[in-house]
PDB file of N, CA and C in Angstrom:
ATOM      1  N   MET A   1       0.851  -1.177   0.047  1.00  0.00           N
ATOM      2  CA  MET A   1      -0.121   0.005  -0.068  1.00  0.00           C
ATOM      3  C   MET A   1       0.745   1.154  -0.036  1.00  0.00           C
ATOM      4  N   SER A   2       0.999   1.941   1.106  1.00  0.00           N
ATOM      5  CA  SER A   2       1.905   3.039   1.194  1.00  0.00           C
ATOM      6  C   SER A   2       3.086   2.741   1.728  1.00  0.00           C
ATOM      7  N   GLU A   3       4.171   3.490   1.458  1.00  0.00           N
ATOM      8  CA  GLU A   3       5.566   3.245   2.098  1.00  0.00           C
ATOM      9  C   GLU A   3       5.607   4.265   3.314  1.00  0.00           C
ATOM     10  N   HIS A   4       6.174   3.745   4.199  1.00  0.00           N
ATOM     11  CA  HIS A   4       6.405   4.359   5.536  1.00  0.00           C
ATOM     12  C   HIS A   4       7.665   5.103   5.598  1.00  0.00           C
ATOM     13  N   HIS A   5       7.755   6.391   5.613  1.00  0.00           N
ATOM     14  CA  HIS A   5       9.326   7.075   5.715  1.00  0.00           C
ATOM     15  C   HIS A   5       9.688   7.307   7.187  1.00  0.00           C
ATOM     16  N   SER A   6      10.802   6.836   7.531  1.00  0.00           N
ATOM     17  CA  SER A   6      11.075   7.527   8.890  1.00  0.00           C
ATOM     18  C   SER A   6      11.891   8.817   8.552  1.00  0.00           C
ATOM     19  N   GLY A   7      11.723   9.741   9.499  1.00  0.00           N
ATOM     20  CA  GLY A   7      12.504  11.114   9.489  1.00  0.00           C
ATOM     21  C   GLY A   7      11.599  12.010   8.813  1.00  0.00           C
ATOM     22  N   PRO A   8      12.300  13.144   8.609  1.00  0.00           N
ATOM     23  CA  PRO A   8      11.412  14.390   8.243  1.00  0.00           C
ATOM     24  C   PRO A   8      10.752  14.228   6.934  1.00  0.00           C
ATOM     25  N   VAL A   9       9.596  14.858   6.542  1.00  0.00           N
ATOM     26  CA  VAL A   9       9.121  14.712   5.420  1.00  0.00           C
ATOM     27  C   VAL A   9       9.843  15.429   4.295  1.00  0.00           C
ATOM     28  N   GLU A  10      10.707  16.456   4.467  1.00  0.00           N
ATOM     29  CA  GLU A  10      11.398  17.081   3.540  1.00  0.00           C
ATOM     30  C   GLU A  10      12.603  16.247   2.913  1.00  0.00           C
ATOM     31  N   THR A  11      12.765  15.234   3.567  1.00  0.00           N
ATOM     32  CA  THR A  11      14.057  14.248   3.184  1.00  0.00           C
ATOM     33  C   THR A  11      13.309  12.947   2.839  1.00  0.00           C
ATOM     34  N   GLY A  12      12.084  13.033   2.659  1.00  0.00           N
ATOM     35  CA  GLY A  12      11.553  11.667   2.254  1.00  0.00           C
ATOM     36  C   GLY A  12      11.868  10.872   0.869  1.00  0.00           C
ATOM     37  N   ALA A  13      11.475  11.368  -0.169  1.00  0.00           N
ATOM     38  CA  ALA A  13      11.684  10.675  -1.336  1.00  0.00           C
ATOM     39  C   ALA A  13      12.623  11.572  -2.191  1.00  0.00           C
ATOM     40  N   LYS A  14      13.349  10.819  -2.976  1.00  0.00           N
ATOM     41  CA  LYS A  14      14.506  11.573  -3.875  1.00  0.00           C
ATOM     42  C   LYS A  14      13.734  12.420  -4.917  1.00  0.00           C
ATOM     43  N   MET A  15      14.150  13.501  -5.281  1.00  0.00           N
ATOM     44  CA  MET A  15      13.582  14.189  -6.320  1.00  0.00           C
ATOM     45  C   MET A  15      14.313  14.270  -7.723  1.00  0.00           C
ATOM     46  N   ASP A  16      13.735  14.300  -8.962  1.00  0.00           N
ATOM     47  CA  ASP A  16      14.118  14.019 -10.124  1.00  0.00           C
ATOM     48  C   ASP A  16      14.129  15.439 -10.745  1.00  0.00           C
ATOM     49  N   TYR A  17      15.309  16.020 -10.292  1.00  0.00           N
ATOM     50  CA  TYR A  17      15.478  17.536 -10.914  1.00  0.00           C
ATOM     51  C   TYR A  17      15.431  17.855 -12.353  1.00  0.00           C
ATOM     52  N   SER A  18      15.892  16.850 -13.029  1.00  0.00           N
ATOM     53  CA  SER A  18      15.996  17.006 -14.488  1.00  0.00           C
ATOM     54  C   SER A  18      14.614  17.003 -15.086  1.00  0.00           C
ATOM     55  N   GLU A  19      13.970  16.089 -14.491  1.00  0.00           N
ATOM     56  CA  GLU A  19      12.457  15.885 -14.897  1.00  0.00           C
ATOM     57  C   GLU A  19      11.688  17.072 -14.829  1.00  0.00           C
ATOM     58  N   HIS A  20      11.825  17.683 -13.337  1.00  0.00           N
ATOM     59  CA  HIS A  20      11.330  19.020 -12.995  1.00  0.00           C
ATOM     60  C   HIS A  20      11.467  20.336 -14.024  1.00  0.00           C
ATOM     61  N   GLU A  21      12.787  20.363 -14.321  1.00  0.00           N
ATOM     62  CA  GLU A  21      13.288  21.440 -15.285  1.00  0.00           C
ATOM     63  C   GLU A  21      12.520  21.084 -16.521  1.00  0.00           C
ATOM     64  N   LYS A  22      12.406  19.816 -17.041  1.00  0.00           N
ATOM     65  CA  LYS A  22      11.990  19.793 -18.497  1.00  0.00           C
ATOM     66  C   LYS A  22      10.266  19.970 -18.347  1.00  0.00           C
ATOM     67  N   THR A  23       9.615  19.692 -17.315  1.00  0.00           N
ATOM     68  CA  THR A  23       8.368  19.988 -17.163  1.00  0.00           C
ATOM     69  C   THR A  23       8.097  21.552 -17.012  1.00  0.00           C
ATOM     70  N   TYR A  24       9.048  22.274 -16.278  1.00  0.00           N
ATOM     71  CA  TYR A  24       8.762  23.593 -16.173  1.00  0.00           C
ATOM     72  C   TYR A  24       9.157  24.384 -17.714  1.00  0.00           C
ATOM     73  N   ASP A  25      10.279  23.929 -18.249  1.00  0.00           N
ATOM     74  CA  ASP A  25      10.504  24.510 -19.535  1.00  0.00           C
ATOM     75  C   ASP A  25       9.405  24.237 -20.562  1.00  0.00           C
ATOM     76  N   GLY A  26       8.714  23.200 -20.470  1.00  0.00           N
ATOM     77  CA  GLY A  26       7.361  22.789 -21.286  1.00  0.00           C
ATOM     78  C   GLY A  26       6.456  23.699 -21.032  1.00  0.00           C
ATOM     79  N   PHE A  27       6.240  23.782 -19.790  1.00  0.00           N
ATOM     80  CA  PHE A  27       5.029  24.874 -19.457  1.00  0.00           C
ATOM     81  C   PHE A  27       5.201  26.199 -19.922  1.00  0.00           C
ATOM     82  N   ILE A  28       6.516  26.710 -19.813  1.00  0.00           N
ATOM     83  CA  ILE A  28       6.862  27.975 -19.892  1.00  0.00           C
ATOM     84  C   ILE A  28       6.672  28.162 -21.461  1.00  0.00           C
ATOM     85  N   ASN A  29       7.368  27.163 -22.381  1.00  0.00           N
ATOM     86  CA  ASN A  29       7.195  27.366 -23.967  1.00  0.00           C
ATOM     87  C   ASN A  29       5.645  27.277 -24.337  1.00  0.00           C
ATOM     88  N   LEU A  30       4.819  26.540 -23.549  1.00  0.00           N
ATOM     89  CA  LEU A  30       3.522  26.490 -23.970  1.00  0.00           C
ATOM     90  C   LEU A  30       2.768  27.748 -23.620  1.00  0.00           C
ATOM     91  N   THR A  31       2.913  28.230 -22.810  1.00  0.00           N
ATOM     92  CA  THR A  31       2.592  29.590 -22.237  1.00  0.00           C
ATOM     93  C   THR A  31       2.863  30.576 -23.382  1.00  0.00           C
ATOM     94  N   LYS A  32       4.072  30.637 -23.595  1.00  0.00           N
ATOM     95  CA  LYS A  32       4.720  31.687 -24.463  1.00  0.00           C
ATOM     96  C   LYS A  32       3.966  31.686 -25.921  1.00  0.00           C
ATOM     97  N   TYR A  33       4.133  30.309 -26.455  1.00  0.00           N
ATOM     98  CA  TYR A  33       3.762  30.293 -27.754  1.00  0.00           C
ATOM     99  C   TYR A  33       2.145  30.318 -27.864  1.00  0.00           C
ATOM    100  N   GLY A  34       1.511  29.905 -26.681  1.00  0.00           N
ATOM    101  CA  GLY A  34       0.030  29.828 -26.635  1.00  0.00           C
ATOM    102  C   GLY A  34      -0.432  31.340 -26.674  1.00  0.00           C
ATOM    103  N   SER A  35       0.156  32.385 -25.730  1.00  0.00           N
ATOM    104  CA  SER A  35      -0.078  33.595 -25.781  1.00  0.00           C
ATOM    105  C   SER A  35      -0.014  34.460 -27.012  1.00  0.00           C
ATOM    106  N   ALA A  36       1.208  33.984 -27.948  1.00  0.00           N
ATOM    107  CA  ALA A  36       1.315  34.608 -28.984  1.00  0.00           C
ATOM    108  C   ALA A  36       0.419  34.240 -30.115  1.00  0.00           C
ATOM    109  N   ILE A  37       0.114  32.951 -29.983  1.00  0.00           N
ATOM    110  CA  ILE A  37      -1.171  32.534 -30.979  1.00  0.00           C
ATOM    111  C   ILE A  37      -2.533  33.342 -30.681  1.00  0.00           C
ATOM    112  N   LEU A  38      -2.703  33.376 -29.300  1.00  0.00           N
ATOM    113  CA  LEU A  38      -4.002  34.116 -28.941  1.00  0.00           C
ATOM    114  C   LEU A  38      -3.895  35.582 -29.239  1.00  0.00           C
ATOM    115  N   VAL A  39      -2.856  36.278 -29.185  1.00  0.00           N
ATOM    116  CA  VAL A  39      -2.617  37.822 -29.507  1.00  0.00           C
ATOM    117  C   VAL A  39      -2.744  37.666 -31.220  1.00  0.00           C
ATOM    118  N   ALA A  40      -2.065  37.045 -31.945  1.00  0.00           N
ATOM    119  CA  ALA A  40      -2.286  36.950 -33.441  1.00  0.00           C
ATOM    120  C   ALA A  40      -3.791  36.601 -33.658  1.00  0.00           C
ATOM    121  N   LEU A  41      -4.498  35.798 -33.093  1.00  0.00           N
ATOM    122  CA  LEU A  41      -5.829  35.661 -33.145  1.00  0.00           C
ATOM    123  C   LEU A  41      -6.611  37.128 -33.143  1.00  0.00           C
ATOM    124  N   MET A  42      -6.573  37.763 -32.097  1.00  0.00           N
ATOM    125  CA  MET A  42      -7.360  38.863 -31.589  1.00  0.00           C
ATOM    126  C   MET A  42      -7.256  39.899 -32.627  1.00  0.00           C
ATOM    127  N   ILE A  43      -5.876  40.004 -33.117  1.00  0.00           N
ATOM    128  CA  ILE A  43      -5.630  40.982 -34.115  1.00  0.00           C
ATOM    129  C   ILE A  43      -6.123  40.589 -35.466  1.00  0.00           C
ATOM    130  N   ALA A  44      -6.280  39.354 -35.777  1.00  0.00           N
ATOM    131  CA  ALA A  44      -7.064  38.781 -36.815  1.00  0.00           C
ATOM    132  C   ALA A  44      -8.308  38.970 -37.006  1.00  0.00           C
ATOM    133  N   MET A  45      -8.825  38.656 -35.987  1.00  0.00           N
ATOM    134  CA  MET A  45     -10.298  38.940 -35.750  1.00  0.00           C
ATOM    135  C   MET A  45     -10.633  40.275 -35.858  1.00  0.00           C
ATOM    136  N   ALA A  46     -10.043  41.172 -35.105  1.00  0.00           N
ATOM    137  CA  ALA A  46     -10.374  42.639 -35.148  1.00  0.00           C
ATOM    138  C   ALA A  46     -10.132  43.138 -36.701  1.00  0.00           C
ATOM    139  N   ALA A  47      -9.291  42.732 -37.366  1.00  0.00           N
ATOM    140  CA  ALA A  47      -8.916  43.184 -38.797  1.00  0.00           C
ATOM    141  C   ALA A  47     -10.117  42.486 -39.741  1.00  0.00           C
ATOM    142  N   GLY A  48     -10.718  41.361 -39.422  1.00  0.00           N
ATOM    143  CA  GLY A  48     -11.567  40.740 -40.255  1.00  0.00           C
ATOM    144  C   GLY A  48     -13.197  41.365 -39.881  1.00  0.00           C
ATOM    145  N   PHE A  49     -13.285  41.392 -38.545  1.00  0.00           N
ATOM    146  CA  PHE A  49     -14.639  42.057 -38.219  1.00  0.00           C
ATOM    147  C   PHE A  49     -14.821  43.521 -38.288  1.00  0.00           C
ATOM    148  N   PHE A  50     -13.793  44.351 -37.925  1.00  0.00           N
ATOM    149  CA  PHE A  50     -14.224  45.612 -38.157  1.00  0.00           C
ATOM    150  C   PHE A  50     -13.343  46.346 -39.144  1.00  0.00           C
ATOM    151  N   GLY A  51     -12.398  45.632 -39.982  1.00  0.00           N
ATOM    152  CA  GLY A  51     -11.722  46.337 -41.301  1.00  0.00           C
ATOM    153  C   GLY A  51     -12.371  45.830 -42.394  1.00  0.00           C
ATOM    154  N   ALA A  52     -11.866  46.167 -43.188  1.00  0.00           N
ATOM    155  CA  ALA A  52     -11.988  45.677 -44.571  1.00  0.00           C
ATOM    156  C   ALA A  52     -11.416  44.445 -44.940  1.00  0.00           C
ATOM    157  N   ALA A  53     -10.722  43.759 -44.021  1.00  0.00           N
ATOM    158  CA  ALA A  53     -10.095  42.373 -44.561  1.00  0.00           C
ATOM    159  C   ALA A  53     -11.183  41.313 -44.914  1.00  0.00           C
ATOM    160  N   GLY A  54     -12.311  41.129 -44.250  1.00  0.00           N
ATOM    161  CA  GLY A  54     -13.007  40.031 -44.241  1.00  0.00           C
ATOM    162  C   GLY A  54     -12.422  38.887 -43.825  1.00  0.00           C
ATOM    163  N   PHE A  55     -13.251  37.635 -44.026  1.00  0.00           N
ATOM    164  CA  PHE A  55     -12.728  36.574 -43.468  1.00  0.00           C
ATOM    165  C   PHE A  55     -11.398  35.852 -43.868  1.00  0.00           C
ATOM    166  N   LEU A  56     -11.266  35.882 -45.136  1.00  0.00           N
ATOM    167  CA  LEU A  56      -9.902  35.450 -45.820  1.00  0.00           C
ATOM    168  C   LEU A  56      -8.980  36.396 -45.594  1.00  0.00           C
ATOM    169  N   GLY A  57      -9.152  37.655 -45.379  1.00  0.00           N
ATOM    170  CA  GLY A  57      -7.951  38.499 -45.165  1.00  0.00           C
ATOM    171  C   GLY A  57      -7.518  38.380 -43.495  1.00  0.00           C
ATOM    172  N   GLY A  58      -8.606  38.193 -42.811  1.00  0.00           N
ATOM    173  CA  GLY A  58      -8.256  37.989 -41.370  1.00  0.00           C
ATOM    174  C   GLY A  58      -7.556  36.748 -41.087  1.00  0.00           C
ATOM    175  N   PHE A  59      -7.952  35.823 -41.894  1.00  0.00           N
ATOM    176  CA  PHE A  59      -7.330  34.272 -41.865  1.00  0.00           C
ATOM    177  C   PHE A  59      -5.771  34.376 -42.247  1.00  0.00           C
ATOM    178  N   ALA A  60      -5.563  35.131 -43.322  1.00  0.00           N
ATOM    179  CA  ALA A  60      -4.345  35.463 -43.831  1.00  0.00           C
ATOM    180  C   ALA A  60      -3.147  36.066 -42.892  1.00  0.00           C
ATOM    181  N   ILE A  61      -4.053  37.201 -42.175  1.00  0.00           N
ATOM    182  CA  ILE A  61      -3.294  37.971 -41.306  1.00  0.00           C
ATOM    183  C   ILE A  61      -3.010  37.009 -40.044  1.00  0.00           C
ATOM    184  N   PHE A  62      -3.850  36.196 -39.497  1.00  0.00           N
ATOM    185  CA  PHE A  62      -3.419  35.199 -38.497  1.00  0.00           C
ATOM    186  C   PHE A  62      -2.428  34.331 -38.763  1.00  0.00           C
ATOM    187  N   ILE A  63      -2.445  33.872 -40.092  1.00  0.00           N
ATOM    188  CA  ILE A  63      -1.282  32.958 -40.483  1.00  0.00           C
ATOM    189  C   ILE A  63       0.090  33.692 -40.472  1.00  0.00           C
ATOM    190  N   ILE A  64       0.129  34.983 -40.924  1.00  0.00           N
ATOM    191  CA  ILE A  64       1.374  35.762 -41.059  1.00  0.00           C
ATOM    192  C   ILE A  64       1.725  36.218 -39.696  1.00  0.00           C
ATOM    193  N   LEU A  65       0.744  36.561 -38.935  1.00  0.00           N
ATOM    194  CA  LEU A  65       1.361  36.956 -37.399  1.00  0.00           C
ATOM    195  C   LEU A  65       1.616  35.870 -36.753  1.00  0.00           C
ATOM    196  N   SER A  66       1.230  34.948 -36.795  1.00  0.00           N
ATOM    197  CA  SER A  66       1.532  33.476 -35.965  1.00  0.00           C
ATOM    198  C   SER A  66       2.824  33.216 -36.536  1.00  0.00           C
ATOM    199  N   ALA A  67       3.164  32.880 -37.765  1.00  0.00           N
ATOM    200  CA  ALA A  67       4.559  32.541 -38.259  1.00  0.00           C
ATOM    201  C   ALA A  67       5.604  33.667 -37.840  1.00  0.00           C
ATOM    202  N   VAL A  68       5.315  34.852 -37.809  1.00  0.00           N
ATOM    203  CA  VAL A  68       6.268  35.832 -37.616  1.00  0.00           C
ATOM    204  C   VAL A  68       6.419  35.763 -35.994  1.00  0.00           C
ATOM    205  N   GLY A  69       5.433  35.453 -35.220  1.00  0.00           N
ATOM    206  CA  GLY A  69       5.524  35.442 -33.541  1.00  0.00           C
ATOM    207  C   GLY A  69       6.405  34.214 -33.184  1.00  0.00           C
ATOM    208  N   ILE A  70       6.235  33.139 -33.934  1.00  0.00           N
ATOM    209  CA  ILE A  70       6.641  31.937 -33.639  1.00  0.00           C
ATOM    210  C   ILE A  70       8.466  32.102 -34.128  1.00  0.00           C
ATOM    211  N   PHE A  71       8.294  32.641 -35.092  1.00  0.00           N
ATOM    212  CA  PHE A  71       9.832  32.837 -35.552  1.00  0.00           C
ATOM    213  C   PHE A  71      10.606  33.947 -34.601  1.00  0.00           C
ATOM    214  N   LEU A  72      10.116  34.712 -34.181  1.00  0.00           N
ATOM    215  CA  LEU A  72      10.681  35.941 -33.519  1.00  0.00           C
ATOM    216  C   LEU A  72      10.810  35.358 -32.046  1.00  0.00           C
ATOM    217  N   MET A  73      10.437  34.463 -31.456  1.00  0.00           N
ATOM    218  CA  MET A  73      10.350  34.012 -30.052  1.00  0.00           C
ATOM    219  C   MET A  73      11.366  32.811 -29.967  1.00  0.00           C
ATOM    220  N   ARG A  74      11.842  32.325 -31.032  1.00  0.00           N
ATOM    221  CA  ARG A  74      12.921  31.152 -30.906  1.00  0.00           C
ATOM    222  C   ARG A  74      14.132  31.759 -29.971  1.00  0.00           C
TER     223      ARG A  74
END
């Protein structure tokens, strides 16, 4: 069932710090690129709905801004 550790809780199980680092880096990258995609989407929606771009123009703006954003964040 459960393991009984003797001693303080802080020194219970060994930590896999390399796995923690990979998880943290993955979360940061997902947040960074996800935010860039959402900003590109909001700008494209504004251009498509309120400007003269229309649906296809807004979609083109979204694709271009997404590619530029991802390229600049590398």
